[in-house]
Amino acid sequence: MKEFNFWCKENTECYNIYRKGKADNPQTAERLIKMKNKWEVLHDCDDDNGNPSVYFLKVGENKYYFLELLHDGMVDVIDCDCHTVLMTCRNLVSAKRWVSINLL
Protein backbone atom coordinates (compact mmCIF):
# COMPACT_ATOMS: atom_id res chain seq x y z
CA MET A 1 0.00 0.00 0.00
CA LYS A 2 2.88 2.34 0.77
CA GLU A 3 4.34 1.86 -2.73
CA PHE A 4 0.98 2.62 -4.31
CA ASN A 5 0.63 5.84 -2.31
CA PHE A 6 4.08 6.95 -3.49
CA TRP A 7 3.35 5.97 -7.10
CA CYS A 8 0.05 7.85 -7.11
CA LYS A 9 1.50 11.02 -5.64
CA GLU A 10 3.78 11.19 -8.68
CA ASN A 11 0.71 11.27 -10.94
CA THR A 12 -1.91 13.76 -9.73
CA GLU A 13 -4.77 12.34 -11.76
CA CYS A 14 -4.04 8.83 -10.54
CA TYR A 15 -3.77 10.04 -6.97
CA ASN A 16 -7.20 11.69 -7.18
CA ILE A 17 -8.73 8.46 -8.49
CA TYR A 18 -7.14 6.52 -5.64
CA ARG A 19 -8.15 9.08 -3.00
CA LYS A 20 -11.78 8.94 -4.09
CA GLY A 21 -11.71 5.16 -3.59
CA LYS A 22 -12.18 4.29 -7.27
CA ALA A 23 -8.94 2.28 -7.51
CA ASP A 24 -7.07 0.03 -5.13
CA ASN A 25 -3.95 -0.56 -7.23
CA PRO A 26 -1.91 1.19 -9.96
CA GLN A 27 -3.21 -1.02 -12.78
CA THR A 28 -6.84 -0.18 -12.04
CA ALA A 29 -6.04 3.53 -11.77
CA GLU A 30 -4.19 3.48 -15.10
CA ARG A 31 -7.06 1.61 -16.76
CA LEU A 32 -9.56 4.18 -15.49
CA ILE A 33 -7.39 7.02 -16.79
CA LYS A 34 -7.00 5.35 -20.21
CA MET A 35 -10.74 4.82 -20.60
CA LYS A 36 -11.40 8.50 -19.97
CA ASN A 37 -12.10 10.59 -23.09
CA LYS A 38 -11.72 7.72 -25.57
CA TRP A 39 -15.42 7.10 -26.03
CA GLU A 40 -16.94 9.00 -28.93
CA VAL A 41 -20.56 9.63 -29.86
CA LEU A 42 -21.94 7.99 -32.99
CA HIS A 43 -24.08 10.95 -34.09
CA ASP A 44 -25.80 8.98 -36.87
CA CYS A 45 -27.71 7.21 -34.08
CA ASP A 46 -28.78 10.28 -32.07
CA ASP A 47 -32.44 10.32 -30.98
CA ASP A 48 -35.06 12.71 -32.42
CA ASN A 49 -34.02 15.44 -29.96
CA GLY A 50 -30.34 15.18 -30.91
CA ASN A 51 -29.31 13.37 -27.72
CA PRO A 52 -26.55 10.76 -28.09
CA SER A 53 -27.74 7.17 -27.83
CA VAL A 54 -24.71 5.22 -29.07
CA TYR A 55 -21.06 5.57 -28.06
CA PHE A 56 -18.10 3.73 -29.56
CA LEU A 57 -14.53 2.97 -28.55
CA LYS A 58 -11.87 2.07 -31.10
CA VAL A 59 -9.70 -0.71 -29.67
CA GLY A 60 -7.84 -1.80 -32.80
CA GLU A 61 -7.78 -1.66 -36.57
CA ASN A 62 -11.47 -1.95 -37.58
CA LYS A 63 -12.36 -3.13 -34.08
CA TYR A 64 -14.89 -1.15 -32.00
CA TYR A 65 -16.98 -1.67 -28.88
CA PHE A 66 -20.34 0.07 -28.63
CA LEU A 67 -22.52 1.33 -25.79
CA GLU A 68 -26.19 1.70 -26.58
CA LEU A 69 -28.41 3.71 -24.25
CA LEU A 70 -31.77 2.00 -23.81
CA HIS A 71 -35.10 3.71 -23.20
CA ASP A 72 -35.17 2.63 -19.53
CA GLY A 73 -31.76 4.17 -18.73
CA MET A 74 -29.86 0.89 -18.96
CA VAL A 75 -26.86 0.57 -21.28
CA ASP A 76 -25.98 -2.40 -23.49
CA VAL A 77 -22.31 -3.17 -24.11
CA ILE A 78 -22.11 -4.48 -27.67
CA ASP A 79 -19.24 -6.57 -29.02
CA CYS A 80 -17.18 -5.77 -32.12
CA ASP A 81 -19.55 -7.80 -34.31
CA CYS A 82 -22.18 -5.04 -33.73
CA HIS A 83 -24.80 -7.61 -32.65
CA THR A 84 -23.74 -9.50 -29.53
CA VAL A 85 -24.74 -7.88 -26.24
CA LEU A 86 -21.95 -8.67 -23.80
CA MET A 87 -23.46 -6.99 -20.74
CA THR A 88 -26.31 -4.70 -19.74
CA CYS A 89 -25.30 -2.09 -17.16
CA ARG A 90 -27.30 0.33 -15.04
CA ASN A 91 -25.77 3.49 -16.48
CA LEU A 92 -23.18 4.85 -18.88
CA VAL A 93 -20.44 5.16 -16.25
CA SER A 94 -20.78 1.55 -15.11
CA ALA A 95 -20.81 0.36 -18.74
CA LYS A 96 -17.57 2.22 -19.49
CA ARG A 97 -16.04 0.78 -16.32
CA TRP A 98 -17.16 -2.75 -17.27
CA VAL A 99 -15.52 -2.44 -20.70
CA SER A 100 -12.32 -1.10 -19.17
CA ILE A 101 -12.05 -3.89 -16.63
CA ASN A 102 -13.27 -6.83 -18.72
CA LEU A 103 -12.35 -6.09 -22.33
CA LEU A 104 -9.28 -3.86 -22.41
PDB file of N, CA and C in Angstrom:
ATOM      1  N   MET A   1       0.828  -1.188   0.000  1.00  0.00           N
ATOM      2  CA  MET A   1       0.000   0.000   0.000  1.00  0.00           C
ATOM      3  C   MET A   1       0.871   1.251   0.000  1.00  0.00           C
ATOM      4  N   LYS A   2       1.980   1.201   0.699  1.00  0.00           N
ATOM      5  CA  LYS A   2       2.882   2.345   0.775  1.00  0.00           C
ATOM      6  C   LYS A   2       3.449   2.687  -0.602  1.00  0.00           C
ATOM      7  N   GLU A   3       3.810   1.641  -1.391  1.00  0.00           N
ATOM      8  CA  GLU A   3       4.343   1.863  -2.735  1.00  0.00           C
ATOM      9  C   GLU A   3       3.283   2.495  -3.636  1.00  0.00           C
ATOM     10  N   PHE A   4       2.051   2.071  -3.494  1.00  0.00           N
ATOM     11  CA  PHE A   4       0.977   2.619  -4.311  1.00  0.00           C
ATOM     12  C   PHE A   4       0.765   4.088  -3.984  1.00  0.00           C
ATOM     13  N   ASN A   5       0.778   4.436  -2.708  1.00  0.00           N
ATOM     14  CA  ASN A   5       0.635   5.842  -2.313  1.00  0.00           C
ATOM     15  C   ASN A   5       1.731   6.686  -2.935  1.00  0.00           C
ATOM     16  N   PHE A   6       2.961   6.207  -2.916  1.00  0.00           N
ATOM     17  CA  PHE A   6       4.075   6.950  -3.492  1.00  0.00           C
ATOM     18  C   PHE A   6       3.889   7.081  -5.003  1.00  0.00           C
ATOM     19  N   TRP A   7       3.537   5.963  -5.658  1.00  0.00           N
ATOM     20  CA  TRP A   7       3.348   5.970  -7.104  1.00  0.00           C
ATOM     21  C   TRP A   7       2.264   6.964  -7.503  1.00  0.00           C
ATOM     22  N   CYS A   8       1.170   6.972  -6.777  1.00  0.00           N
ATOM     23  CA  CYS A   8       0.055   7.855  -7.111  1.00  0.00           C
ATOM     24  C   CYS A   8       0.388   9.321  -6.886  1.00  0.00           C
ATOM     25  N   LYS A   9       1.172   9.622  -5.889  1.00  0.00           N
ATOM     26  CA  LYS A   9       1.503  11.022  -5.637  1.00  0.00           C
ATOM     27  C   LYS A   9       2.344  11.595  -6.773  1.00  0.00           C
ATOM     28  N   GLU A  10       3.013  10.732  -7.530  1.00  0.00           N
ATOM     29  CA  GLU A  10       3.778  11.192  -8.684  1.00  0.00           C
ATOM     30  C   GLU A  10       2.846  11.570  -9.842  1.00  0.00           C
ATOM     31  N   ASN A  11       1.677  11.015  -9.871  1.00  0.00           N
ATOM     32  CA  ASN A  11       0.714  11.265 -10.936  1.00  0.00           C
ATOM     33  C   ASN A  11      -0.561  11.814 -10.285  1.00  0.00           C
ATOM     34  N   THR A  12      -0.803  13.105 -10.417  1.00  0.00           N
ATOM     35  CA  THR A  12      -1.908  13.759  -9.725  1.00  0.00           C
ATOM     36  C   THR A  12      -3.258  13.157 -10.077  1.00  0.00           C
ATOM     37  N   GLU A  13      -3.492  12.894 -11.350  1.00  0.00           N
ATOM     38  CA  GLU A  13      -4.774  12.337 -11.761  1.00  0.00           C
ATOM     39  C   GLU A  13      -4.999  10.964 -11.140  1.00  0.00           C
ATOM     40  N   CYS A  14      -3.967  10.153 -11.149  1.00  0.00           N
ATOM     41  CA  CYS A  14      -4.044   8.825 -10.542  1.00  0.00           C
ATOM     42  C   CYS A  14      -4.304   8.935  -9.041  1.00  0.00           C
ATOM     43  N   TYR A  15      -3.613   9.858  -8.417  1.00  0.00           N
ATOM     44  CA  TYR A  15      -3.768  10.036  -6.972  1.00  0.00           C
ATOM     45  C   TYR A  15      -5.208  10.426  -6.629  1.00  0.00           C
ATOM     46  N   ASN A  16      -5.822  11.291  -7.430  1.00  0.00           N
ATOM     47  CA  ASN A  16      -7.204  11.693  -7.182  1.00  0.00           C
ATOM     48  C   ASN A  16      -8.162  10.518  -7.333  1.00  0.00           C
ATOM     49  N   ILE A  17      -7.910   9.662  -8.308  1.00  0.00           N
ATOM     50  CA  ILE A  17      -8.734   8.462  -8.489  1.00  0.00           C
ATOM     51  C   ILE A  17      -8.595   7.555  -7.270  1.00  0.00           C
ATOM     52  N   TYR A  18      -7.377   7.369  -6.814  1.00  0.00           N
ATOM     53  CA  TYR A  18      -7.136   6.524  -5.642  1.00  0.00           C
ATOM     54  C   TYR A  18      -7.799   7.120  -4.393  1.00  0.00           C
ATOM     55  N   ARG A  19      -7.625   8.412  -4.195  1.00  0.00           N
ATOM     56  CA  ARG A  19      -8.146   9.083  -3.001  1.00  0.00           C
ATOM     57  C   ARG A  19      -9.665   8.990  -2.921  1.00  0.00           C
ATOM     58  N   LYS A  20     -10.324   9.029  -4.062  1.00  0.00           N
ATOM     59  CA  LYS A  20     -11.784   8.941  -4.091  1.00  0.00           C
ATOM     60  C   LYS A  20     -12.270   7.498  -3.941  1.00  0.00           C
ATOM     61  N   GLY A  21     -11.347   6.548  -3.816  1.00  0.00           N
ATOM     62  CA  GLY A  21     -11.712   5.157  -3.595  1.00  0.00           C
ATOM     63  C   GLY A  21     -12.118   4.400  -4.847  1.00  0.00           C
ATOM     64  N   LYS A  22     -11.792   4.942  -6.023  1.00  0.00           N
ATOM     65  CA  LYS A  22     -12.178   4.288  -7.266  1.00  0.00           C
ATOM     66  C   LYS A  22     -11.153   3.262  -7.729  1.00  0.00           C
ATOM     67  N   ALA A  23      -9.972   3.247  -7.117  1.00  0.00           N
ATOM     68  CA  ALA A  23      -8.943   2.282  -7.514  1.00  0.00           C
ATOM     69  C   ALA A  23      -8.178   1.834  -6.287  1.00  0.00           C
ATOM     70  N   ASP A  24      -7.826   0.553  -6.257  1.00  0.00           N
ATOM     71  CA  ASP A  24      -7.067   0.035  -5.125  1.00  0.00           C
ATOM     72  C   ASP A  24      -5.668  -0.417  -5.515  1.00  0.00           C
ATOM     73  N   ASN A  25      -5.305  -0.228  -6.798  1.00  0.00           N
ATOM     74  CA  ASN A  25      -3.950  -0.557  -7.233  1.00  0.00           C
ATOM     75  C   ASN A  25      -3.599   0.258  -8.475  1.00  0.00           C
ATOM     76  N   PRO A  26      -2.331   0.359  -8.819  1.00  0.00           N
ATOM     77  CA  PRO A  26      -1.915   1.188  -9.957  1.00  0.00           C
ATOM     78  C   PRO A  26      -2.517   0.755 -11.289  1.00  0.00           C
ATOM     79  N   GLN A  27      -2.673  -0.541 -11.512  1.00  0.00           N
ATOM     80  CA  GLN A  27      -3.209  -1.021 -12.779  1.00  0.00           C
ATOM     81  C   GLN A  27      -4.648  -0.544 -12.987  1.00  0.00           C
ATOM     82  N   THR A  28      -5.451  -0.629 -11.938  1.00  0.00           N
ATOM     83  CA  THR A  28      -6.839  -0.180 -12.038  1.00  0.00           C
ATOM     84  C   THR A  28      -6.895   1.320 -12.282  1.00  0.00           C
ATOM     85  N   ALA A  29      -6.072   2.080 -11.584  1.00  0.00           N
ATOM     86  CA  ALA A  29      -6.043   3.532 -11.773  1.00  0.00           C
ATOM     87  C   ALA A  29      -5.633   3.888 -13.195  1.00  0.00           C
ATOM     88  N   GLU A  30      -4.633   3.220 -13.725  1.00  0.00           N
ATOM     89  CA  GLU A  30      -4.190   3.483 -15.099  1.00  0.00           C
ATOM     90  C   GLU A  30      -5.287   3.131 -16.102  1.00  0.00           C
ATOM     91  N   ARG A  31      -5.972   2.029 -15.877  1.00  0.00           N
ATOM     92  CA  ARG A  31      -7.056   1.614 -16.765  1.00  0.00           C
ATOM     93  C   ARG A  31      -8.179   2.651 -16.765  1.00  0.00           C
ATOM     94  N   LEU A  32      -8.509   3.171 -15.581  1.00  0.00           N
ATOM     95  CA  LEU A  32      -9.555   4.182 -15.492  1.00  0.00           C
ATOM     96  C   LEU A  32      -9.148   5.469 -16.201  1.00  0.00           C
ATOM     97  N   ILE A  33      -7.874   5.823 -16.110  1.00  0.00           N
ATOM     98  CA  ILE A  33      -7.386   7.018 -16.793  1.00  0.00           C
ATOM     99  C   ILE A  33      -7.431   6.809 -18.304  1.00  0.00           C
ATOM    100  N   LYS A  34      -7.018   5.635 -18.774  1.00  0.00           N
ATOM    101  CA  LYS A  34      -7.002   5.354 -20.206  1.00  0.00           C
ATOM    102  C   LYS A  34      -8.403   5.364 -20.804  1.00  0.00           C
ATOM    103  N   MET A  35      -9.397   4.889 -20.043  1.00  0.00           N
ATOM    104  CA  MET A  35     -10.740   4.818 -20.597  1.00  0.00           C
ATOM    105  C   MET A  35     -11.372   6.200 -20.709  1.00  0.00           C
ATOM    106  N   LYS A  36     -10.855   7.159 -19.962  1.00  0.00           N
ATOM    107  CA  LYS A  36     -11.402   8.504 -19.969  1.00  0.00           C
ATOM    108  C   LYS A  36     -11.157   9.159 -21.325  1.00  0.00           C
ATOM    109  N   ASN A  37     -12.171   9.787 -21.863  1.00  0.00           N
ATOM    110  CA  ASN A  37     -12.099  10.588 -23.087  1.00  0.00           C
ATOM    111  C   ASN A  37     -11.854   9.796 -24.369  1.00  0.00           C
ATOM    112  N   LYS A  38     -11.891   8.484 -24.343  1.00  0.00           N
ATOM    113  CA  LYS A  38     -11.717   7.719 -25.572  1.00  0.00           C
ATOM    114  C   LYS A  38     -13.047   7.419 -26.227  1.00  0.00           C
ATOM    115  N   TRP A  39     -14.112   7.405 -25.479  1.00  0.00           N
ATOM    116  CA  TRP A  39     -15.421   7.096 -26.030  1.00  0.00           C
ATOM    117  C   TRP A  39     -15.907   8.270 -26.869  1.00  0.00           C
ATOM    118  N   GLU A  40     -16.421   7.966 -28.053  1.00  0.00           N
ATOM    119  CA  GLU A  40     -16.940   9.002 -28.934  1.00  0.00           C
ATOM    120  C   GLU A  40     -18.408   8.710 -29.227  1.00  0.00           C
ATOM    121  N   VAL A  41     -19.143   9.764 -29.552  1.00  0.00           N
ATOM    122  CA  VAL A  41     -20.561   9.631 -29.865  1.00  0.00           C
ATOM    123  C   VAL A  41     -20.720   9.274 -31.338  1.00  0.00           C
ATOM    124  N   LEU A  42     -21.591   8.331 -31.614  1.00  0.00           N
ATOM    125  CA  LEU A  42     -21.944   7.991 -32.985  1.00  0.00           C
ATOM    126  C   LEU A  42     -23.200   8.799 -33.329  1.00  0.00           C
ATOM    127  N   HIS A  43     -22.984   9.995 -33.896  1.00  0.00           N
ATOM    128  CA  HIS A  43     -24.077  10.946 -34.094  1.00  0.00           C
ATOM    129  C   HIS A  43     -25.136  10.469 -35.084  1.00  0.00           C
ATOM    130  N   ASP A  44     -24.803   9.522 -35.943  1.00  0.00           N
ATOM    131  CA  ASP A  44     -25.800   8.984 -36.870  1.00  0.00           C
ATOM    132  C   ASP A  44     -26.945   8.296 -36.129  1.00  0.00           C
ATOM    133  N   CYS A  45     -26.707   7.932 -34.869  1.00  0.00           N
ATOM    134  CA  CYS A  45     -27.709   7.208 -34.076  1.00  0.00           C
ATOM    135  C   CYS A  45     -28.369   8.078 -33.006  1.00  0.00           C
ATOM    136  N   ASP A  46     -28.156   9.396 -33.058  1.00  0.00           N
ATOM    137  CA  ASP A  46     -28.785  10.281 -32.067  1.00  0.00           C
ATOM    138  C   ASP A  46     -30.309  10.147 -32.132  1.00  0.00           C
ATOM    139  N   ASP A  47     -30.971  10.408 -30.986  1.00  0.00           N
ATOM    140  CA  ASP A  47     -32.443  10.322 -30.984  1.00  0.00           C
ATOM    141  C   ASP A  47     -33.049  11.547 -31.687  1.00  0.00           C
ATOM    142  N   ASP A  48     -34.365  11.626 -31.711  1.00  0.00           N
ATOM    143  CA  ASP A  48     -35.062  12.711 -32.421  1.00  0.00           C
ATOM    144  C   ASP A  48     -34.745  14.098 -31.857  1.00  0.00           C
ATOM    145  N   ASN A  49     -34.352  14.156 -30.590  1.00  0.00           N
ATOM    146  CA  ASN A  49     -34.020  15.437 -29.959  1.00  0.00           C
ATOM    147  C   ASN A  49     -32.534  15.773 -30.074  1.00  0.00           C
ATOM    148  N   GLY A  50     -31.774  14.929 -30.745  1.00  0.00           N
ATOM    149  CA  GLY A  50     -30.344  15.180 -30.912  1.00  0.00           C
ATOM    150  C   GLY A  50     -29.484  14.674 -29.769  1.00  0.00           C
ATOM    151  N   ASN A  51     -30.063  13.926 -28.844  1.00  0.00           N
ATOM    152  CA  ASN A  51     -29.307  13.373 -27.716  1.00  0.00           C
ATOM    153  C   ASN A  51     -28.560  12.113 -28.156  1.00  0.00           C
ATOM    154  N   PRO A  52     -27.309  11.960 -27.718  1.00  0.00           N
ATOM    155  CA  PRO A  52     -26.551  10.763 -28.091  1.00  0.00           C
ATOM    156  C   PRO A  52     -27.189   9.497 -27.520  1.00  0.00           C
ATOM    157  N   SER A  53     -27.208   8.440 -28.326  1.00  0.00           N
ATOM    158  CA  SER A  53     -27.744   7.169 -27.830  1.00  0.00           C
ATOM    159  C   SER A  53     -26.777   6.017 -28.049  1.00  0.00           C
ATOM    160  N   VAL A  54     -25.712   6.249 -28.843  1.00  0.00           N
ATOM    161  CA  VAL A  54     -24.709   5.217 -29.073  1.00  0.00           C
ATOM    162  C   VAL A  54     -23.318   5.840 -28.966  1.00  0.00           C
ATOM    163  N   TYR A  55     -22.460   5.167 -28.205  1.00  0.00           N
ATOM    164  CA  TYR A  55     -21.056   5.572 -28.057  1.00  0.00           C
ATOM    165  C   TYR A  55     -20.196   4.437 -28.597  1.00  0.00           C
ATOM    166  N   PHE A  56     -19.002   4.782 -29.082  1.00  0.00           N
ATOM    167  CA  PHE A  56     -18.099   3.732 -29.558  1.00  0.00           C
ATOM    168  C   PHE A  56     -16.682   3.999 -29.082  1.00  0.00           C
ATOM    169  N   LEU A  57     -15.923   2.923 -28.977  1.00  0.00           N
ATOM    170  CA  LEU A  57     -14.534   2.966 -28.549  1.00  0.00           C
ATOM    171  C   LEU A  57     -13.709   2.147 -29.533  1.00  0.00           C
ATOM    172  N   LYS A  58     -12.742   2.786 -30.171  1.00  0.00           N
ATOM    173  CA  LYS A  58     -11.872   2.066 -31.100  1.00  0.00           C
ATOM    174  C   LYS A  58     -10.780   1.380 -30.293  1.00  0.00           C
ATOM    175  N   VAL A  59     -10.681   0.063 -30.440  1.00  0.00           N
ATOM    176  CA  VAL A  59      -9.698  -0.708 -29.675  1.00  0.00           C
ATOM    177  C   VAL A  59      -8.659  -1.372 -30.557  1.00  0.00           C
ATOM    178  N   GLY A  60      -8.794  -1.209 -31.862  1.00  0.00           N
ATOM    179  CA  GLY A  60      -7.842  -1.796 -32.798  1.00  0.00           C
ATOM    180  C   GLY A  60      -8.235  -1.436 -34.204  1.00  0.00           C
ATOM    181  N   GLU A  61      -7.474  -1.927 -35.165  1.00  0.00           N
ATOM    182  CA  GLU A  61      -7.782  -1.664 -36.566  1.00  0.00           C
ATOM    183  C   GLU A  61      -9.126  -2.317 -36.921  1.00  0.00           C
ATOM    184  N   ASN A  62     -10.109  -1.490 -37.252  1.00  0.00           N
ATOM    185  CA  ASN A  62     -11.468  -1.945 -37.581  1.00  0.00           C
ATOM    186  C   ASN A  62     -12.117  -2.749 -36.463  1.00  0.00           C
ATOM    187  N   LYS A  63     -11.785  -2.433 -35.227  1.00  0.00           N
ATOM    188  CA  LYS A  63     -12.362  -3.127 -34.076  1.00  0.00           C
ATOM    189  C   LYS A  63     -12.900  -2.081 -33.100  1.00  0.00           C
ATOM    190  N   TYR A  64     -14.208  -2.131 -32.852  1.00  0.00           N
ATOM    191  CA  TYR A  64     -14.886  -1.152 -32.000  1.00  0.00           C
ATOM    192  C   TYR A  64     -15.807  -1.856 -31.015  1.00  0.00           C
ATOM    193  N   TYR A  65     -15.940  -1.270 -29.818  1.00  0.00           N
ATOM    194  CA  TYR A  65     -16.984  -1.674 -28.885  1.00  0.00           C
ATOM    195  C   TYR A  65     -18.008  -0.550 -28.859  1.00  0.00           C
ATOM    196  N   PHE A  66     -19.261  -0.913 -28.617  1.00  0.00           N
ATOM    197  CA  PHE A  66     -20.341   0.067 -28.631  1.00  0.00           C
ATOM    198  C   PHE A  66     -21.100   0.042 -27.315  1.00  0.00           C
ATOM    199  N   LEU A  67     -21.613   1.210 -26.926  1.00  0.00           N
ATOM    200  CA  LEU A  67     -22.516   1.334 -25.790  1.00  0.00           C
ATOM    201  C   LEU A  67     -23.805   1.921 -26.321  1.00  0.00           C
ATOM    202  N   GLU A  68     -24.899   1.223 -26.111  1.00  0.00           N
ATOM    203  CA  GLU A  68     -26.192   1.701 -26.585  1.00  0.00           C
ATOM    204  C   GLU A  68     -27.086   2.023 -25.400  1.00  0.00           C
ATOM    205  N   LEU A  69     -27.516   3.285 -25.318  1.00  0.00           N
ATOM    206  CA  LEU A  69     -28.411   3.706 -24.250  1.00  0.00           C
ATOM    207  C   LEU A  69     -29.816   3.240 -24.566  1.00  0.00           C
ATOM    208  N   LEU A  70     -30.422   2.536 -23.623  1.00  0.00           N
ATOM    209  CA  LEU A  70     -31.767   2.001 -23.808  1.00  0.00           C
ATOM    210  C   LEU A  70     -32.796   2.972 -23.250  1.00  0.00           C
ATOM    211  N   HIS A  71     -34.037   2.794 -23.618  1.00  0.00           N
ATOM    212  CA  HIS A  71     -35.103   3.713 -23.201  1.00  0.00           C
ATOM    213  C   HIS A  71     -35.319   3.752 -21.687  1.00  0.00           C
ATOM    214  N   ASP A  72     -34.965   2.693 -20.983  1.00  0.00           N
ATOM    215  CA  ASP A  72     -35.170   2.633 -19.530  1.00  0.00           C
ATOM    216  C   ASP A  72     -33.954   3.102 -18.730  1.00  0.00           C
ATOM    217  N   GLY A  73     -32.953   3.665 -19.410  1.00  0.00           N
ATOM    218  CA  GLY A  73     -31.758   4.165 -18.733  1.00  0.00           C
ATOM    219  C   GLY A  73     -30.619   3.166 -18.649  1.00  0.00           C
ATOM    220  N   MET A  74     -30.902   1.915 -18.957  1.00  0.00           N
ATOM    221  CA  MET A  74     -29.864   0.890 -18.962  1.00  0.00           C
ATOM    222  C   MET A  74     -28.986   1.071 -20.198  1.00  0.00           C
ATOM    223  N   VAL A  75     -27.807   0.445 -20.173  1.00  0.00           N
ATOM    224  CA  VAL A  75     -26.861   0.573 -21.279  1.00  0.00           C
ATOM    225  C   VAL A  75     -26.368  -0.809 -21.682  1.00  0.00           C
ATOM    226  N   ASP A  76     -26.506  -1.142 -22.961  1.00  0.00           N
ATOM    227  CA  ASP A  76     -25.983  -2.403 -23.493  1.00  0.00           C
ATOM    228  C   ASP A  76     -24.555  -2.202 -23.963  1.00  0.00           C
ATOM    229  N   VAL A  77     -23.668  -3.130 -23.584  1.00  0.00           N
ATOM    230  CA  VAL A  77     -22.308  -3.174 -24.106  1.00  0.00           C
ATOM    231  C   VAL A  77     -22.339  -4.159 -25.265  1.00  0.00           C
ATOM    232  N   ILE A  78     -21.997  -3.667 -26.462  1.00  0.00           N
ATOM    233  CA  ILE A  78     -22.109  -4.483 -27.669  1.00  0.00           C
ATOM    234  C   ILE A  78     -20.723  -4.799 -28.208  1.00  0.00           C
ATOM    235  N   ASP A  79     -20.527  -6.064 -28.537  1.00  0.00           N
ATOM    236  CA  ASP A  79     -19.243  -6.570 -29.022  1.00  0.00           C
ATOM    237  C   ASP A  79     -18.905  -6.006 -30.401  1.00  0.00           C
ATOM    238  N   CYS A  80     -17.702  -6.279 -30.840  1.00  0.00           N
ATOM    239  CA  CYS A  80     -17.183  -5.774 -32.119  1.00  0.00           C
ATOM    240  C   CYS A  80     -17.965  -6.255 -33.334  1.00  0.00           C
ATOM    241  N   ASP A  81     -18.754  -7.308 -33.176  1.00  0.00           N
ATOM    242  CA  ASP A  81     -19.547  -7.800 -34.313  1.00  0.00           C
ATOM    243  C   ASP A  81     -20.813  -6.963 -34.535  1.00  0.00           C
ATOM    244  N   CYS A  82     -21.039  -5.973 -33.663  1.00  0.00           N
ATOM    245  CA  CYS A  82     -22.184  -5.041 -33.734  1.00  0.00           C
ATOM    246  C   CYS A  82     -23.527  -5.685 -33.410  1.00  0.00           C
ATOM    247  N   HIS A  83     -23.532  -6.927 -32.933  1.00  0.00           N
ATOM    248  CA  HIS A  83     -24.797  -7.609 -32.651  1.00  0.00           C
ATOM    249  C   HIS A  83     -24.850  -8.209 -31.245  1.00  0.00           C
ATOM    250  N   THR A  84     -23.752  -8.766 -30.785  1.00  0.00           N
ATOM    251  CA  THR A  84     -23.735  -9.497 -29.527  1.00  0.00           C
ATOM    252  C   THR A  84     -23.704  -8.546 -28.333  1.00  0.00           C
ATOM    253  N   VAL A  85     -24.715  -8.662 -27.469  1.00  0.00           N
ATOM    254  CA  VAL A  85     -24.740  -7.875 -26.236  1.00  0.00           C
ATOM    255  C   VAL A  85     -23.930  -8.632 -25.194  1.00  0.00           C
ATOM    256  N   LEU A  86     -22.837  -8.025 -24.763  1.00  0.00           N
ATOM    257  CA  LEU A  86     -21.948  -8.670 -23.797  1.00  0.00           C
ATOM    258  C   LEU A  86     -22.423  -8.483 -22.361  1.00  0.00           C
ATOM    259  N   MET A  87     -23.050  -7.321 -22.107  1.00  0.00           N
ATOM    260  CA  MET A  87     -23.464  -6.991 -20.740  1.00  0.00           C
ATOM    261  C   MET A  87     -24.477  -5.861 -20.822  1.00  0.00           C
ATOM    262  N   THR A  88     -25.405  -5.836 -19.887  1.00  0.00           N
ATOM    263  CA  THR A  88     -26.308  -4.696 -19.738  1.00  0.00           C
ATOM    264  C   THR A  88     -26.023  -4.078 -18.381  1.00  0.00           C
ATOM    265  N   CYS A  89     -25.683  -2.805 -18.385  1.00  0.00           N
ATOM    266  CA  CYS A  89     -25.295  -2.092 -17.165  1.00  0.00           C
ATOM    267  C   CYS A  89     -26.363  -1.062 -16.792  1.00  0.00           C
ATOM    268  N   ARG A  90     -26.294  -0.613 -15.558  1.00  0.00           N
ATOM    269  CA  ARG A  90     -27.300   0.325 -15.043  1.00  0.00           C
ATOM    270  C   ARG A  90     -27.176   1.736 -15.590  1.00  0.00           C
ATOM    271  N   ASN A  91     -25.961   2.141 -15.960  1.00  0.00           N
ATOM    272  CA  ASN A  91     -25.770   3.491 -16.483  1.00  0.00           C
ATOM    273  C   ASN A  91     -24.524   3.546 -17.356  1.00  0.00           C
ATOM    274  N   LEU A  92     -24.287   4.684 -17.951  1.00  0.00           N
ATOM    275  CA  LEU A  92     -23.178   4.849 -18.875  1.00  0.00           C
ATOM    276  C   LEU A  92     -21.830   4.699 -18.183  1.00  0.00           C
ATOM    277  N   VAL A  93     -21.698   5.242 -16.994  1.00  0.00           N
ATOM    278  CA  VAL A  93     -20.435   5.156 -16.253  1.00  0.00           C
ATOM    279  C   VAL A  93     -20.092   3.706 -15.926  1.00  0.00           C
ATOM    280  N   SER A  94     -21.068   2.950 -15.456  1.00  0.00           N
ATOM    281  CA  SER A  94     -20.779   1.550 -15.109  1.00  0.00           C
ATOM    282  C   SER A  94     -20.485   0.728 -16.365  1.00  0.00           C
ATOM    283  N   ALA A  95     -21.095   1.072 -17.499  1.00  0.00           N
ATOM    284  CA  ALA A  95     -20.809   0.361 -18.742  1.00  0.00           C
ATOM    285  C   ALA A  95     -19.378   0.630 -19.202  1.00  0.00           C
ATOM    286  N   LYS A  96     -18.945   1.885 -19.121  1.00  0.00           N
ATOM    287  CA  LYS A  96     -17.566   2.223 -19.486  1.00  0.00           C
ATOM    288  C   LYS A  96     -16.585   1.509 -18.562  1.00  0.00           C
ATOM    289  N   ARG A  97     -16.905   1.462 -17.286  1.00  0.00           N
ATOM    290  CA  ARG A  97     -16.042   0.776 -16.320  1.00  0.00           C
ATOM    291  C   ARG A  97     -15.974  -0.717 -16.628  1.00  0.00           C
ATOM    292  N   TRP A  98     -17.122  -1.323 -16.960  1.00  0.00           N
ATOM    293  CA  TRP A  98     -17.161  -2.753 -17.272  1.00  0.00           C
ATOM    294  C   TRP A  98     -16.272  -3.053 -18.475  1.00  0.00           C
ATOM    295  N   VAL A  99     -16.362  -2.242 -19.514  1.00  0.00           N
ATOM    296  CA  VAL A  99     -15.520  -2.442 -20.696  1.00  0.00           C
ATOM    297  C   VAL A  99     -14.049  -2.336 -20.321  1.00  0.00           C
ATOM    298  N   SER A 100     -13.708  -1.313 -19.553  1.00  0.00           N
ATOM    299  CA  SER A 100     -12.316  -1.097 -19.168  1.00  0.00           C
ATOM    300  C   SER A 100     -11.754  -2.269 -18.380  1.00  0.00           C
ATOM    301  N   ILE A 101     -12.525  -2.809 -17.488  1.00  0.00           N
ATOM    302  CA  ILE A 101     -12.047  -3.893 -16.628  1.00  0.00           C
ATOM    303  C   ILE A 101     -12.059  -5.247 -17.349  1.00  0.00           C
ATOM    304  N   ASN A 102     -13.090  -5.503 -18.144  1.00  0.00           N
ATOM    305  CA  ASN A 102     -13.269  -6.830 -18.722  1.00  0.00           C
ATOM    306  C   ASN A 102     -12.819  -7.014 -20.159  1.00  0.00           C
ATOM    307  N   LEU A 103     -12.674  -5.940 -20.915  1.00  0.00           N
ATOM    308  CA  LEU A 103     -12.353  -6.092 -22.331  1.00  0.00           C
ATOM    309  C   LEU A 103     -11.047  -5.459 -22.758  1.00  0.00           C
ATOM    310  N   LEU A 104     -10.530  -4.530 -21.999  1.00  0.00           N
ATOM    311  CA  LEU A 104      -9.281  -3.856 -22.407  1.00  0.00           C
ATOM    312  C   LEU A 104      -8.083  -4.462 -21.739  1.00  0.00           C
TER     313      LEU A 104
END
